Amino acid sequence: MILNFSNPEKNIQHLNLKEGAVVADFGSGSGHYVFPISNIVGDSGKVYAVDIQKSLLMKLQKDITQKSIKNIETVWGDVENIGGSKLRASSLDAVVASNILFQVDSKSGFVHECNRVLKPGGKVLLVDWLESFGGIGPQPQSVVDEETAKKLFEQGGFALKESMPAGNHHYGMIFIKA
């Protein structure tokens, strides 16, 4: 493990989530953010783990079942397209998007899907790679720098609330749906 790698527990603190919140993790993978969010939102909250990779969702569902967690639901969806997350419009308090922006082809489609599912005033936690680190992270041409990410979200109807360090290899930002 790399020292000071991106820390989900620390990063989600910037969302100021409360018990009962409804949150989606877009590109949830194996659940690094899902489980800490589940603990915060509690039994009265809900966490949607959305990913396009069925194999990762199946592994995550197995972990959820083994841990008897009731407030996490896995969703097979494509977050690059409007409606692709399969979540209701204006239904979420927050979206987590960690290490996904560099991967999506339709970055504006992704931002619009974040906007569609969030309630007014809802937040996005964006965590992505600062650069390519030879062997870890994206290829250099895939890196989305902070300024480009900020412009994408602002053009998609969000206001930047906060920039924060998110580990030695990542940047973090909190956006609010305008």
Protein backbone atom coordinates (compact mmCIF):
# COMPACT_ATOMS: atom_id res chain seq x y z
CA MET A 1 0.00 0.00 0.00
CA ILE A 2 1.29 3.43 -0.89
CA LEU A 3 1.71 5.78 2.04
CA ASN A 4 -0.83 8.63 2.01
CA PHE A 5 -2.87 7.09 -0.78
CA SER A 6 -6.40 8.47 -1.13
CA ASN A 7 -8.36 7.81 2.08
CA PRO A 8 -12.14 7.32 1.60
CA GLU A 9 -13.02 7.84 5.28
CA LYS A 10 -11.14 11.13 5.39
CA ASN A 11 -12.41 12.32 2.00
CA ILE A 12 -16.11 11.73 2.72
CA GLN A 13 -15.90 13.85 5.88
CA HIS A 14 -15.90 16.86 3.54
CA LEU A 15 -19.46 15.98 2.45
CA ASN A 16 -20.80 16.46 6.01
CA LEU A 17 -23.21 13.57 5.54
CA LYS A 18 -25.90 13.00 8.14
CA GLU A 19 -27.80 9.94 9.25
CA GLY A 20 -30.65 9.31 6.83
CA ALA A 21 -28.83 10.74 3.80
CA VAL A 22 -29.21 9.11 0.39
CA VAL A 23 -25.91 8.81 -1.48
CA ALA A 24 -24.65 7.17 -4.67
CA ASP A 25 -21.11 6.10 -5.40
CA PHE A 26 -20.70 6.39 -9.17
CA GLY A 27 -18.06 3.91 -10.25
CA SER A 28 -18.21 2.16 -6.90
CA GLY A 29 -15.84 -0.64 -7.85
CA SER A 30 -15.22 -2.88 -4.86
CA GLY A 31 -16.77 -0.48 -2.36
CA HIS A 32 -13.94 1.58 -0.85
CA TYR A 33 -16.36 4.50 -0.36
CA VAL A 34 -19.60 2.53 -0.06
CA PHE A 35 -18.89 0.93 3.31
CA PRO A 36 -17.78 4.10 5.16
CA ILE A 37 -20.76 6.00 3.72
CA SER A 38 -23.08 3.20 4.85
CA ASN A 39 -21.83 3.60 8.42
CA ILE A 40 -22.49 7.36 8.38
CA VAL A 41 -25.99 7.34 6.82
CA GLY A 42 -27.13 4.49 9.07
CA ASP A 43 -30.22 2.33 8.82
CA SER A 44 -32.42 5.28 7.88
CA GLY A 45 -30.11 6.20 4.97
CA LYS A 46 -29.37 4.54 1.65
CA VAL A 47 -26.24 4.00 -0.44
CA TYR A 48 -26.39 3.11 -4.12
CA ALA A 49 -23.23 1.46 -5.47
CA VAL A 50 -23.39 2.12 -9.21
CA ASP A 51 -20.92 0.55 -11.61
CA ILE A 52 -20.82 -0.69 -15.20
CA GLN A 53 -18.65 -3.69 -14.34
CA LYS A 54 -20.93 -6.55 -13.33
CA SER A 55 -18.06 -8.61 -11.89
CA LEU A 56 -17.18 -5.85 -9.41
CA LEU A 57 -20.84 -5.43 -8.43
CA MET A 58 -21.19 -9.18 -7.87
CA LYS A 59 -18.14 -9.18 -5.57
CA LEU A 60 -19.45 -6.12 -3.76
CA GLN A 61 -22.91 -7.70 -3.36
CA LYS A 62 -21.27 -10.79 -1.86
CA ASP A 63 -19.41 -8.60 0.67
CA ILE A 64 -22.62 -6.70 1.51
CA THR A 65 -24.50 -9.96 2.07
CA GLN A 66 -21.71 -11.47 4.20
CA LYS A 67 -21.66 -8.36 6.38
CA SER A 68 -25.50 -8.30 6.60
CA ILE A 69 -25.63 -4.65 5.53
CA LYS A 70 -29.16 -3.55 4.66
CA ASN A 71 -28.68 0.04 3.48
CA ILE A 72 -26.50 -0.60 0.39
CA GLU A 73 -27.98 -1.45 -3.00
CA THR A 74 -25.85 -2.37 -6.00
CA VAL A 75 -26.96 -0.96 -9.37
CA TRP A 76 -25.61 -1.98 -12.75
CA GLY A 77 -25.59 1.25 -14.69
CA ASP A 78 -23.70 3.50 -17.07
CA VAL A 79 -23.17 6.88 -15.42
CA GLU A 80 -22.00 8.51 -18.66
CA ASN A 81 -25.54 8.73 -20.01
CA ILE A 82 -28.57 10.67 -18.82
CA GLY A 83 -30.68 8.13 -16.91
CA GLY A 84 -27.88 5.57 -17.12
CA SER A 85 -27.47 5.29 -13.35
CA LYS A 86 -31.10 4.08 -13.18
CA LEU A 87 -31.65 6.32 -10.15
CA ARG A 88 -34.60 8.70 -9.83
CA ALA A 89 -34.12 12.36 -10.69
CA SER A 90 -33.58 14.69 -7.72
CA SER A 91 -33.43 11.76 -5.28
CA LEU A 92 -29.92 12.00 -3.80
CA ASP A 93 -28.24 14.15 -1.20
CA ALA A 94 -24.75 13.39 -2.52
CA VAL A 95 -22.76 11.61 -5.23
CA VAL A 96 -19.25 10.28 -4.76
CA ALA A 97 -17.11 10.12 -7.90
CA SER A 98 -13.70 8.73 -7.04
CA ASN A 99 -11.19 7.75 -9.72
CA ILE A 100 -13.81 7.70 -12.44
CA LEU A 101 -13.63 11.02 -14.30
CA PHE A 102 -10.46 10.00 -16.10
CA GLN A 103 -12.18 6.80 -17.28
CA VAL A 104 -15.46 8.08 -18.70
CA ASP A 105 -15.64 8.92 -22.39
CA SER A 106 -18.57 11.32 -22.08
CA LYS A 107 -17.41 13.58 -19.30
CA SER A 108 -20.23 16.08 -19.87
CA GLY A 109 -22.76 13.20 -19.87
CA PHE A 110 -21.33 12.05 -16.55
CA VAL A 111 -21.62 15.54 -15.02
CA HIS A 112 -25.20 15.86 -16.32
CA GLU A 113 -26.13 12.51 -14.78
CA CYS A 114 -24.70 13.70 -11.43
CA ASN A 115 -26.84 16.83 -11.73
CA ARG A 116 -29.97 14.89 -12.72
CA VAL A 117 -29.95 12.58 -9.68
CA LEU A 118 -29.11 15.21 -7.06
CA LYS A 119 -31.63 17.20 -5.07
CA PRO A 120 -31.25 20.99 -5.22
CA GLY A 121 -28.26 21.80 -3.02
CA GLY A 122 -26.94 18.23 -3.36
CA LYS A 123 -23.19 17.69 -3.35
CA VAL A 124 -20.62 15.85 -5.45
CA LEU A 125 -17.36 14.65 -3.96
CA LEU A 126 -14.94 14.40 -6.87
CA VAL A 127 -11.62 12.65 -6.26
CA ASP A 128 -9.31 11.99 -9.19
CA TRP A 129 -5.68 11.57 -10.14
CA LEU A 130 -3.26 14.51 -10.04
CA GLU A 131 -1.16 12.95 -12.80
CA SER A 132 0.03 9.65 -14.19
CA PHE A 133 2.42 7.93 -11.81
CA GLY A 134 3.99 5.25 -14.01
CA GLY A 135 2.48 1.98 -12.93
CA ILE A 136 -0.41 3.39 -10.88
CA GLY A 137 -3.18 5.61 -12.07
CA PRO A 138 -4.25 6.50 -15.58
CA GLN A 139 -2.17 6.92 -18.71
CA PRO A 140 -0.89 10.52 -19.03
CA GLN A 141 -3.35 11.37 -21.83
CA SER A 142 -6.32 10.27 -19.65
CA VAL A 143 -5.60 12.49 -16.65
CA VAL A 144 -8.24 15.20 -16.08
CA ASP A 145 -6.54 18.06 -14.26
CA GLU A 146 -8.26 20.05 -11.51
CA GLU A 147 -8.97 23.11 -13.62
CA THR A 148 -10.58 21.04 -16.40
CA ALA A 149 -12.68 19.14 -13.86
CA LYS A 150 -13.79 22.40 -12.25
CA LYS A 151 -14.85 23.82 -15.63
CA LEU A 152 -16.75 20.62 -16.51
CA PHE A 153 -18.77 20.74 -13.32
CA GLU A 154 -19.39 24.48 -13.45
CA GLN A 155 -20.63 24.15 -17.04
CA GLY A 156 -22.87 21.30 -15.83
CA GLY A 157 -24.71 23.41 -13.25
CA PHE A 158 -22.49 23.10 -10.18
CA ALA A 159 -20.63 25.57 -7.99
CA LEU A 160 -17.30 24.71 -6.41
CA LYS A 161 -17.66 24.70 -2.64
CA GLU A 162 -14.25 23.40 -1.59
CA SER A 163 -10.96 22.08 -2.92
CA MET A 164 -9.06 19.74 -0.65
CA PRO A 165 -6.07 17.42 -0.62
CA ALA A 166 -7.20 13.85 -1.21
CA GLY A 167 -3.92 11.98 -0.84
CA ASN A 168 -0.48 12.29 -2.39
CA HIS A 169 -1.69 11.21 -5.83
CA HIS A 170 -5.20 12.73 -5.90
CA TYR A 171 -7.06 16.01 -5.80
CA GLY A 172 -10.48 16.45 -4.25
CA MET A 173 -13.32 18.90 -4.76
CA ILE A 174 -16.82 19.35 -3.39
CA PHE A 175 -19.38 20.75 -5.82
CA ILE A 176 -22.92 21.88 -4.98
CA LYS A 177 -25.82 21.62 -7.40
CA ALA A 178 -26.77 25.20 -8.18
